[in-house]
Amino acid sequence: MPFIRFIAPVVLAVLLCGGEICAQVALRPSGGWPGRPRYADGRFSLTGSGGVSKYFGEFTDEQVGPAAGLQLRFAVTPVLEFGLSGEATTIRYTRRHRRSMGGTYEFQFGDVSMVDRSTDLFTGEAWLRLNLFPGQYFNPWVQAGAGMVQFSPEDYGNGDAAHPGEAQIRVLSAPLGAGLDVYLNRRLSVQIGAVAHLVMSGELDAFDSGRLVEQLQQSKGLPGNPTREKTANDTYLTLSLGLTWHLFADGDFDGDALSNDAEEEAGTNPYDADTDGDGLGDFDEVRIHLTNPLHWDSDGDVLNDYVEVTRYRTDPTRADSDGDGLTDREELLSYGTDPLEKDTENDGLIDAEEKRLGSDPKKVDTDGDGLYDGDEVVLHRTNPVLPDSDGEGISDKDEVLRYGTDPNAADSDRDGLTDYEEIRLFRTDPRIADTDGDGRSDYDEIRRYGSDPLTAGDGNASSTPRGN
């Protein structure tokens, strides 16, 4: 009893602390990696628990007592564990006379009835535990085993039993239990459990009626009855809440060169070398490429991180590696441009601008007029997808490099004749409105007077305009 009074507050304090932890920690790893932190092969865990006990025997009633214990478990596999436990328990009950007990009760206790009594038990047991869902945050389990119980009923110690047994009784026990583990992170879990302890003795309550019946018969000189049914053994049940700390974690469960502590910090799965399944190991993502180890496409460009790193050499952390305005996916899968070069064909226009203008980012001269697309847009202000921007019949290249005319104006000198007419038909200068300088524009000489626009003072010209 003194041991119970000492240890119960300690265990309850631990549980309250655990309760605060439970309130502060979400029921999933902080980084959100898929799959809960399950047991690792060859890993130990230590559980401290506290709860209540319930006695089942001749004097079964509604009373409960305190219970506190420690468990040490070794995970043979994630599914199967071997455990050792020690538990200090006090069972409480009201000793009372019942009609079915006949004279056996008076033989043991006299005529005193309805007395509150208790028995202190110290239990050591070994067991096997089966984890039903070791890959989930909530893991139900069942267990069974064998052990030893040491106890001393209060009636034996205070002399109220007329025929006491031994001062300290040690008998075998068989625990059968079930419960639930709730994982807070890969090192910490909360355990809820119920374990029934079948004790191979009927003396938990100082009333082994089978032994007492035989002693009573012997005291009256009556022969024993060897065929008499033996009294059932006593049993007690413990309900407990515990906090489990998982010990001795390996440095790197999955062998990905990223330690378990580093994986916990990054939020990755310490049991999977490639948490997001993108082909890049967690170590490479966290330490080398600085990508998101929890998502196969860190930059959201719909290209797998592994493919970006190994095949295309693009930056898996940037949707647009070269910063040209087109995503890596658009450049690689839609346009066939170089995702590492802003200007794939080096014509002076970045790829995104070419797509906006409608020019071909893979050709230096989309319209084939002899001028680079970049020169057309930046220098000449011409249309890179039309070989003749002003539509008068002379290509932009000829206008710019050969004739010096304006490629954006059909009539560069504004004399009324198009550049094409002046160059191809009349051989006049398309940059000068009056080629021969005689005071009459080329248009007037050709269209109105019929004179030669290339000869000043042409005597064949009529002084009267045509049509007058």
Protein backbone atom coordinates (compact mmCIF):
# COMPACT_ATOMS: atom_id res chain seq x y z
CA MET A 1 0.00 0.00 0.00
CA PRO A 2 2.75 2.56 0.79
CA PHE A 3 4.37 1.75 -2.56
CA ILE A 4 1.10 2.45 -4.36
CA ARG A 5 0.69 5.75 -2.56
CA PHE A 6 4.19 6.75 -3.58
CA ILE A 7 4.22 5.74 -7.23
CA ALA A 8 0.65 6.63 -8.23
CA PRO A 9 1.15 10.44 -7.97
CA VAL A 10 4.39 10.15 -9.95
CA VAL A 11 2.72 8.24 -12.75
CA LEU A 12 -0.26 10.58 -12.74
CA ALA A 13 2.11 13.55 -13.01
CA VAL A 14 3.77 11.95 -16.03
CA LEU A 15 0.38 11.35 -17.60
CA LEU A 16 -0.72 14.92 -16.99
CA CYS A 17 2.48 16.12 -18.63
CA GLY A 18 1.74 13.78 -21.49
CA GLY A 19 -1.74 15.25 -21.64
CA GLU A 20 -0.30 18.71 -22.13
CA ILE A 21 1.91 17.32 -24.86
CA CYS A 22 -1.14 15.74 -26.45
CA ALA A 23 -2.90 19.09 -26.43
CA GLN A 24 0.02 20.79 -28.14
CA VAL A 25 1.05 18.19 -30.68
CA ALA A 26 -1.16 17.30 -33.64
CA LEU A 27 -1.78 13.63 -34.24
CA ARG A 28 0.54 13.56 -37.23
CA PRO A 29 4.22 14.32 -37.86
CA SER A 30 4.99 18.03 -37.97
CA GLY A 31 6.22 17.85 -41.55
CA GLY A 32 3.26 15.81 -42.75
CA TRP A 33 5.10 12.89 -44.33
CA PRO A 34 2.91 10.03 -45.48
CA GLY A 35 2.70 7.07 -43.13
CA ARG A 36 2.87 7.21 -39.34
CA PRO A 37 6.08 6.59 -37.36
CA ARG A 38 5.74 2.86 -36.83
CA TYR A 39 7.92 0.52 -34.83
CA ALA A 40 11.32 -0.27 -36.30
CA ASP A 41 12.79 -3.77 -36.31
CA GLY A 42 14.93 -4.30 -33.23
CA ARG A 43 13.72 -1.20 -31.41
CA PHE A 44 12.93 -0.78 -27.72
CA SER A 45 10.23 1.31 -26.11
CA LEU A 46 9.47 2.23 -22.51
CA THR A 47 5.97 2.94 -21.18
CA GLY A 48 4.91 4.46 -17.89
CA SER A 49 1.24 4.02 -17.08
CA GLY A 50 -1.33 4.65 -14.40
CA GLY A 51 -4.95 3.69 -13.99
CA VAL A 52 -7.45 1.71 -11.93
CA SER A 53 -7.96 -1.93 -10.97
CA LYS A 54 -11.13 -3.98 -10.53
CA TYR A 55 -11.33 -7.20 -8.50
CA PHE A 56 -13.44 -10.22 -9.52
CA GLY A 57 -13.97 -12.96 -6.89
CA GLU A 58 -16.29 -14.04 -4.07
CA PHE A 59 -16.73 -10.45 -2.91
CA THR A 60 -17.05 -8.71 -6.29
CA ASP A 61 -18.57 -5.24 -6.01
CA GLU A 62 -18.26 -1.79 -7.60
CA GLN A 63 -15.06 -0.66 -5.88
CA VAL A 64 -11.87 0.12 -7.81
CA GLY A 65 -8.29 0.64 -6.69
CA PRO A 66 -5.20 2.36 -8.13
CA ALA A 67 -2.68 0.75 -10.46
CA ALA A 68 0.68 1.91 -11.81
CA GLY A 69 3.24 0.15 -13.95
CA LEU A 70 6.19 0.15 -16.31
CA GLN A 71 6.64 -1.74 -19.59
CA LEU A 72 9.72 -2.44 -21.66
CA ARG A 73 9.00 -3.66 -25.19
CA PHE A 74 11.18 -4.97 -27.98
CA ALA A 75 9.78 -4.95 -31.53
CA VAL A 76 10.70 -8.27 -33.14
CA THR A 77 8.89 -7.00 -36.23
CA PRO A 78 6.55 -4.02 -36.66
CA VAL A 79 3.66 -6.45 -36.09
CA LEU A 80 5.06 -8.58 -33.23
CA GLU A 81 6.54 -7.33 -29.94
CA PHE A 82 7.97 -9.00 -26.88
CA GLY A 83 7.42 -7.21 -23.58
CA LEU A 84 8.18 -7.26 -19.87
CA SER A 85 6.01 -5.39 -17.40
CA GLY A 86 5.95 -4.67 -13.72
CA GLU A 87 2.82 -3.40 -12.01
CA ALA A 88 1.85 -2.33 -8.50
CA THR A 89 -1.88 -2.64 -7.88
CA THR A 90 -4.30 -2.38 -5.00
CA ILE A 91 -7.63 -4.16 -5.33
CA ARG A 92 -10.50 -3.07 -3.08
CA TYR A 93 -13.68 -4.88 -2.12
CA THR A 94 -16.26 -5.20 0.66
CA ARG A 95 -16.03 -8.51 2.51
CA ARG A 96 -19.52 -9.72 3.32
CA HIS A 97 -21.33 -12.91 4.13
CA ARG A 98 -23.50 -14.45 1.43
CA ARG A 99 -26.00 -17.28 1.79
CA SER A 100 -24.18 -19.38 -0.80
CA MET A 101 -21.07 -19.44 1.40
CA GLY A 102 -22.80 -21.47 4.10
CA GLY A 103 -20.73 -21.83 7.23
CA THR A 104 -17.43 -21.34 5.44
CA TYR A 105 -17.52 -17.56 5.87
CA GLU A 106 -18.06 -17.81 9.69
CA PHE A 107 -15.33 -20.47 9.82
CA GLN A 108 -12.87 -17.95 8.33
CA PHE A 109 -14.13 -14.54 9.53
CA GLY A 110 -16.68 -15.12 12.30
CA ASP A 111 -19.83 -13.05 12.27
CA VAL A 112 -18.20 -9.78 11.09
CA SER A 113 -19.56 -8.78 7.69
CA MET A 114 -19.69 -5.74 5.39
CA VAL A 115 -16.08 -4.74 6.00
CA ASP A 116 -14.02 -2.80 3.41
CA ARG A 117 -10.78 -4.59 2.61
CA SER A 118 -7.89 -4.34 0.13
CA THR A 119 -5.00 -6.41 -1.18
CA ASP A 120 -1.70 -5.10 -2.52
CA LEU A 121 -0.32 -6.92 -5.56
CA PHE A 122 3.06 -6.75 -7.26
CA THR A 123 3.02 -8.37 -10.71
CA GLY A 124 5.83 -9.22 -13.10
CA GLU A 125 4.82 -10.59 -16.48
CA ALA A 126 6.21 -11.39 -19.93
CA TRP A 127 4.01 -11.30 -23.00
CA LEU A 128 3.74 -11.09 -26.74
CA ARG A 129 1.84 -8.26 -28.37
CA LEU A 130 0.28 -8.29 -31.83
CA ASN A 131 -0.02 -4.86 -33.51
CA LEU A 132 -3.05 -5.01 -35.78
CA PHE A 133 -2.36 -1.86 -37.84
CA PRO A 134 1.34 -0.99 -37.42
CA GLY A 135 1.22 1.34 -40.42
CA GLN A 136 -1.41 3.70 -38.99
CA TYR A 137 -1.53 6.54 -36.49
CA PHE A 138 -4.05 4.56 -34.42
CA ASN A 139 -2.73 1.08 -33.77
CA PRO A 140 -4.99 -1.39 -31.91
CA TRP A 141 -3.22 -4.34 -30.29
CA VAL A 142 -3.85 -7.56 -28.38
CA GLN A 143 -1.48 -9.37 -26.05
CA ALA A 144 -1.14 -12.52 -23.98
CA GLY A 145 1.53 -13.91 -21.69
CA ALA A 146 2.44 -15.34 -18.30
CA GLY A 147 3.94 -14.06 -15.07
CA MET A 148 4.07 -14.08 -11.30
CA VAL A 149 1.94 -12.25 -8.73
CA GLN A 150 2.98 -11.57 -5.15
CA PHE A 151 0.30 -10.43 -2.75
CA SER A 152 -0.80 -10.36 0.89
CA PRO A 153 -4.53 -9.96 1.71
CA GLU A 154 -5.28 -7.38 4.38
CA ASP A 155 -7.19 -9.94 6.49
CA TYR A 156 -4.07 -12.12 6.65
CA GLY A 157 -1.94 -9.24 7.84
CA ASN A 158 -4.28 -7.84 10.52
CA GLY A 159 -5.30 -11.23 11.96
CA ASP A 160 -8.98 -11.06 11.00
CA ALA A 161 -8.73 -14.39 9.14
CA ALA A 162 -9.09 -17.40 11.44
CA HIS A 163 -7.19 -19.63 9.02
CA PRO A 164 -4.64 -17.42 7.21
CA GLY A 165 -2.43 -18.53 4.40
CA GLU A 166 1.18 -17.52 3.93
CA ALA A 167 2.20 -13.96 4.75
CA GLN A 168 3.45 -13.39 1.19
CA ILE A 169 1.81 -15.46 -1.51
CA ARG A 170 3.44 -15.95 -4.91
CA VAL A 171 1.45 -17.59 -7.69
CA LEU A 172 1.39 -17.72 -11.47
CA SER A 173 -0.74 -15.33 -13.49
CA ALA A 174 -1.89 -15.16 -17.09
CA PRO A 175 -2.48 -11.69 -18.59
CA LEU A 176 -4.82 -11.18 -21.55
CA GLY A 177 -5.21 -7.66 -22.88
CA ALA A 178 -6.16 -5.30 -25.66
CA GLY A 179 -5.63 -1.62 -26.27
CA LEU A 180 -4.75 1.21 -28.60
CA ASP A 181 -1.59 3.20 -29.34
CA VAL A 182 -2.00 6.77 -30.58
CA TYR A 183 1.20 8.12 -32.17
CA LEU A 184 2.19 11.74 -31.64
CA ASN A 185 5.49 11.45 -33.51
CA ARG A 186 8.05 8.79 -34.25
CA ARG A 187 9.32 8.76 -30.65
CA LEU A 188 6.21 9.39 -28.58
CA SER A 189 2.84 7.65 -28.34
CA VAL A 190 -0.08 7.43 -25.92
CA GLN A 191 -1.26 3.97 -24.87
CA ILE A 192 -4.72 3.02 -23.66
CA GLY A 193 -5.04 -0.57 -22.43
CA ALA A 194 -7.20 -3.06 -20.56
CA VAL A 195 -5.56 -6.23 -19.19
CA ALA A 196 -7.27 -9.06 -17.33
CA HIS A 197 -4.97 -10.96 -14.94
CA LEU A 198 -6.05 -14.51 -14.20
CA VAL A 199 -4.40 -15.36 -10.87
CA MET A 200 -3.81 -19.06 -10.13
CA SER A 201 -5.14 -18.67 -6.60
CA GLY A 202 -8.42 -17.98 -4.81
CA GLU A 203 -6.77 -16.08 -1.97
CA LEU A 204 -6.69 -12.54 -3.35
CA ASP A 205 -9.56 -11.81 -0.95
CA ALA A 206 -8.28 -14.12 1.90
CA PHE A 207 -11.14 -16.46 1.11
CA ASP A 208 -10.13 -19.56 -0.82
CA SER A 209 -13.42 -21.33 -0.24
CA GLY A 210 -12.19 -24.65 -1.62
CA ARG A 211 -9.36 -24.87 0.91
CA LEU A 212 -11.59 -23.61 3.70
CA VAL A 213 -14.29 -26.17 2.97
CA GLU A 214 -11.76 -28.96 3.33
CA GLN A 215 -10.43 -27.50 6.60
CA LEU A 216 -13.98 -27.08 7.89
CA GLN A 217 -14.80 -30.71 7.07
CA GLN A 218 -11.61 -31.92 8.71
CA SER A 219 -12.40 -29.91 11.89
CA LYS A 220 -15.77 -31.71 12.11
CA GLY A 221 -14.25 -35.10 11.37
CA LEU A 222 -16.05 -35.39 8.05
CA PRO A 223 -14.49 -37.20 5.10
CA GLY A 224 -13.32 -35.06 2.17
CA ASN A 225 -15.01 -35.14 -1.22
CA PRO A 226 -12.39 -35.66 -3.91
CA THR A 227 -14.94 -35.10 -6.68
CA ARG A 228 -16.00 -31.71 -5.36
CA GLU A 229 -15.65 -28.90 -7.90
CA LYS A 230 -12.78 -26.59 -7.05
CA THR A 231 -13.39 -22.91 -6.41
CA ALA A 232 -12.60 -20.69 -9.40
CA ASN A 233 -9.42 -18.62 -9.22
CA ASP A 234 -9.63 -14.89 -8.51
CA THR A 235 -9.11 -12.35 -11.30
CA TYR A 236 -8.48 -8.63 -11.50
CA LEU A 237 -8.67 -6.17 -14.37
CA THR A 238 -6.54 -3.07 -14.90
CA LEU A 239 -7.49 -0.12 -17.08
CA SER A 240 -4.54 2.19 -17.75
CA LEU A 241 -3.36 5.20 -19.68
CA GLY A 242 0.32 5.39 -20.50
CA LEU A 243 2.93 7.45 -22.29
CA THR A 244 5.44 5.54 -24.41
CA TRP A 245 8.90 6.73 -25.38
CA HIS A 246 10.49 4.81 -28.27
CA LEU A 247 14.18 4.30 -27.52
CA PHE A 248 17.39 3.57 -29.38
CA ALA A 249 16.29 4.66 -32.84
CA ASP A 250 18.68 3.71 -35.64
CA GLY A 251 20.52 6.59 -37.30
CA ASP A 252 19.02 6.02 -40.74
CA PHE A 253 16.18 3.52 -41.04
CA ASP A 254 15.78 3.72 -44.81
CA GLY A 255 19.47 4.05 -45.71
CA ASP A 256 19.00 7.25 -47.73
CA ALA A 257 21.97 9.02 -46.03
CA LEU A 258 19.54 11.40 -44.30
CA SER A 259 19.46 10.72 -40.56
CA ASN A 260 16.18 10.00 -38.84
CA ASP A 261 16.43 13.26 -36.89
CA ALA A 262 16.99 15.19 -40.12
CA GLU A 263 14.03 13.41 -41.71
CA GLU A 264 11.86 14.34 -38.74
CA GLU A 265 12.92 17.97 -39.16
CA ALA A 266 12.21 17.87 -42.90
CA GLY A 267 8.93 16.02 -42.39
CA THR A 268 9.99 13.08 -44.56
CA ASN A 269 9.29 9.41 -43.94
CA PRO A 270 12.26 7.78 -42.19
CA TYR A 271 11.10 4.41 -43.49
CA ASP A 272 11.09 5.44 -47.18
CA ALA A 273 14.25 6.63 -48.96
CA ASP A 274 12.10 8.56 -51.45
CA THR A 275 9.10 9.92 -49.54
CA ASP A 276 7.30 11.52 -52.49
CA GLY A 277 8.23 8.76 -54.96
CA ASP A 278 9.59 11.12 -57.59
CA GLY A 279 12.86 9.24 -58.17
CA LEU A 280 15.03 11.63 -56.16
CA GLY A 281 16.08 10.35 -52.74
CA ASP A 282 15.18 12.39 -49.68
CA PHE A 283 18.86 13.20 -49.08
CA ASP A 284 19.30 14.57 -52.60
CA GLU A 285 16.16 16.67 -52.31
CA VAL A 286 16.93 18.08 -48.85
CA ARG A 287 20.70 18.50 -49.03
CA ILE A 288 21.59 18.91 -52.73
CA HIS A 289 18.71 20.20 -54.85
CA LEU A 290 16.72 21.93 -52.09
CA THR A 291 13.51 20.60 -53.58
CA ASN A 292 10.36 19.62 -51.71
CA PRO A 293 10.82 15.98 -50.61
CA LEU A 294 7.07 15.70 -49.99
CA HIS A 295 5.97 16.52 -53.54
CA TRP A 296 7.10 15.06 -56.85
CA ASP A 297 6.92 18.47 -58.58
CA SER A 298 8.47 21.09 -56.32
CA ASP A 299 8.02 24.09 -58.64
CA GLY A 300 4.56 23.17 -59.95
CA ASP A 301 5.56 23.12 -63.63
CA VAL A 302 4.16 19.59 -64.06
CA LEU A 303 7.65 18.19 -64.63
CA ASN A 304 8.88 15.51 -62.25
CA ASP A 305 11.79 16.72 -60.07
CA TYR A 306 13.87 13.68 -61.02
CA VAL A 307 13.31 14.29 -64.74
CA GLU A 308 14.24 17.96 -64.39
CA VAL A 309 17.47 17.11 -62.59
CA THR A 310 18.65 14.11 -64.59
CA ARG A 311 17.26 14.58 -68.11
CA TYR A 312 16.69 18.26 -68.77
CA ARG A 313 19.09 19.80 -66.22
CA THR A 314 16.47 22.43 -65.43
CA ASP A 315 15.97 23.94 -61.99
CA PRO A 316 13.36 21.83 -60.14
CA THR A 317 12.71 24.69 -57.72
CA ARG A 318 11.76 27.19 -60.47
CA ALA A 319 8.91 26.68 -62.91
CA ASP A 320 10.75 28.90 -65.43
CA SER A 321 14.44 28.01 -65.16
CA ASP A 322 15.72 30.59 -67.64
CA GLY A 323 13.26 33.32 -66.64
CA ASP A 324 12.03 33.96 -70.16
CA GLY A 325 8.33 33.91 -69.29
CA LEU A 326 7.63 30.36 -70.49
CA THR A 327 7.49 27.49 -68.00
CA ASP A 328 9.93 24.65 -68.41
CA ARG A 329 7.05 22.36 -69.34
CA GLU A 330 5.85 24.74 -72.08
CA GLU A 331 9.34 25.04 -73.52
CA LEU A 332 10.02 21.31 -73.46
CA LEU A 333 6.66 19.78 -74.30
CA SER A 334 4.73 22.48 -76.16
CA TYR A 335 7.25 24.64 -78.06
CA GLY A 336 10.44 22.59 -78.15
CA THR A 337 12.54 25.54 -77.04
CA ASP A 338 15.55 25.47 -74.72
CA PRO A 339 14.39 25.88 -71.10
CA LEU A 340 17.90 26.97 -70.11
CA GLU A 341 18.15 29.80 -72.68
CA LYS A 342 15.92 32.87 -72.68
CA ASP A 343 16.49 33.27 -76.42
CA THR A 344 16.70 29.78 -77.84
CA GLU A 345 17.91 30.69 -81.34
CA ASN A 346 19.71 33.87 -80.24
CA ASP A 347 17.85 36.19 -82.60
CA GLY A 348 17.45 38.98 -80.10
CA LEU A 349 13.94 38.12 -78.88
CA ILE A 350 13.28 36.06 -75.74
CA ASP A 351 11.13 33.00 -76.31
CA ALA A 352 8.05 34.28 -74.47
CA GLU A 353 8.05 37.50 -76.52
CA GLU A 354 8.23 35.49 -79.73
CA LYS A 355 5.22 33.43 -78.65
CA ARG A 356 3.35 36.67 -77.89
CA LEU A 357 4.16 38.08 -81.30
CA GLY A 358 3.50 34.82 -83.09
CA SER A 359 7.05 34.35 -84.37
CA ASP A 360 8.87 31.05 -84.18
CA PRO A 361 11.24 30.93 -81.16
CA LYS A 362 13.24 28.22 -82.91
CA LYS A 363 13.92 30.31 -86.05
CA VAL A 364 16.07 33.41 -86.24
CA ASP A 365 14.02 34.69 -89.20
CA THR A 366 10.43 33.50 -88.91
CA ASP A 367 9.14 35.16 -92.10
CA GLY A 368 12.26 34.39 -94.14
CA ASP A 369 12.71 37.98 -95.29
CA GLY A 370 16.40 38.07 -94.42
CA LEU A 371 16.05 40.08 -91.20
CA TYR A 372 16.43 38.53 -87.74
CA ASP A 373 13.22 38.57 -85.74
CA GLY A 374 14.95 40.55 -83.02
CA ASP A 375 16.14 43.18 -85.49
CA GLU A 376 12.70 43.49 -87.00
CA VAL A 377 11.06 44.07 -83.62
CA VAL A 378 13.74 46.10 -81.84
CA LEU A 379 15.47 48.05 -84.64
CA HIS A 380 13.10 48.32 -87.55
CA ARG A 381 9.72 47.92 -85.82
CA THR A 382 8.64 45.59 -88.60
CA ASN A 383 6.44 42.53 -88.32
CA PRO A 384 8.64 39.43 -87.82
CA VAL A 385 5.98 37.11 -89.24
CA LEU A 386 5.45 39.11 -92.48
CA PRO A 387 8.25 39.39 -95.08
CA ASP A 388 6.69 42.66 -96.33
CA SER A 389 5.36 44.54 -93.33
CA ASP A 390 3.80 47.41 -95.30
CA GLY A 391 2.43 45.14 -98.05
CA GLU A 392 3.58 47.23 -101.02
CA GLY A 393 5.56 44.43 -102.73
CA ILE A 394 9.12 45.13 -101.52
CA SER A 395 10.48 42.83 -98.76
CA ASP A 396 11.48 44.35 -95.45
CA LYS A 397 15.10 43.32 -96.01
CA ASP A 398 15.29 45.09 -99.39
CA GLU A 399 13.67 48.20 -98.01
CA VAL A 400 16.07 48.31 -95.05
CA LEU A 401 19.34 47.10 -96.53
CA ARG A 402 19.05 47.82 -100.25
CA TYR A 403 16.79 50.81 -100.85
CA GLY A 404 16.79 52.55 -97.47
CA THR A 405 13.03 52.99 -97.59
CA ASP A 406 10.63 52.76 -94.69
CA PRO A 407 9.50 49.09 -94.39
CA ASN A 408 6.44 50.17 -92.43
CA ALA A 409 5.18 52.69 -95.02
CA ALA A 410 4.04 51.71 -98.52
CA ASP A 411 4.98 55.23 -99.76
CA SER A 412 8.17 56.25 -98.00
CA ASP A 413 8.41 59.76 -99.54
CA ARG A 414 4.62 60.35 -99.47
CA ASP A 415 4.57 61.45 -103.13
CA GLY A 416 1.54 59.35 -104.00
CA LEU A 417 3.50 56.52 -105.62
CA THR A 418 4.20 53.33 -103.67
CA ASP A 419 7.77 52.31 -103.13
CA TYR A 420 7.14 49.28 -105.33
CA GLU A 421 5.94 51.48 -108.22
CA GLU A 422 8.88 53.80 -107.92
CA ILE A 423 11.47 51.01 -107.69
CA ARG A 424 10.06 48.40 -110.01
CA LEU A 425 8.03 50.43 -112.55
CA PHE A 426 9.29 54.01 -112.82
CA ARG A 427 12.84 53.73 -111.46
CA THR A 428 12.30 56.89 -109.44
CA ASP A 429 13.78 57.39 -106.00
CA PRO A 430 11.23 56.19 -103.42
CA ARG A 431 12.88 58.31 -100.74
CA ILE A 432 12.46 61.62 -102.63
CA ALA A 433 9.10 62.98 -103.76
CA ASP A 434 10.67 64.84 -106.74
CA THR A 435 13.39 62.60 -108.14
CA ASP A 436 14.63 65.05 -110.83
CA GLY A 437 14.19 68.13 -108.68
CA ASP A 438 12.20 70.06 -111.26
CA GLY A 439 9.55 71.20 -108.86
CA ARG A 440 7.02 68.62 -109.83
CA SER A 441 6.53 65.51 -107.74
CA ASP A 442 7.11 62.13 -109.31
CA TYR A 443 3.40 61.42 -108.95
CA ASP A 444 2.42 64.59 -110.81
CA GLU A 445 4.87 64.02 -113.62
CA ILE A 446 3.67 60.45 -114.16
CA ARG A 447 0.00 60.70 -113.35
CA ARG A 448 -0.90 64.28 -114.32
CA TYR A 449 1.58 65.61 -116.89
CA GLY A 450 3.05 62.48 -118.47
CA SER A 451 6.54 63.94 -118.20
CA ASP A 452 9.70 62.05 -117.32
CA PRO A 453 10.22 62.13 -113.54
CA LEU A 454 13.88 61.32 -114.02
CA THR A 455 14.66 64.36 -116.28
CA ALA A 456 14.32 67.95 -115.17
CA GLY A 457 12.68 70.35 -117.70
CA ASP A 458 11.43 67.48 -119.86
CA GLY A 459 10.36 69.13 -123.19
CA ASN A 460 7.92 66.37 -123.92
CA ALA A 461 5.91 67.24 -120.90
CA SER A 462 2.68 69.12 -121.46
CA SER A 463 2.20 72.25 -119.42
CA THR A 464 -1.37 71.29 -119.07
CA PRO A 465 -2.24 68.46 -116.75
CA ARG A 466 -3.85 65.44 -118.31
CA GLY A 467 -7.61 65.65 -118.44
CA ASN A 468 -7.77 69.47 -118.91
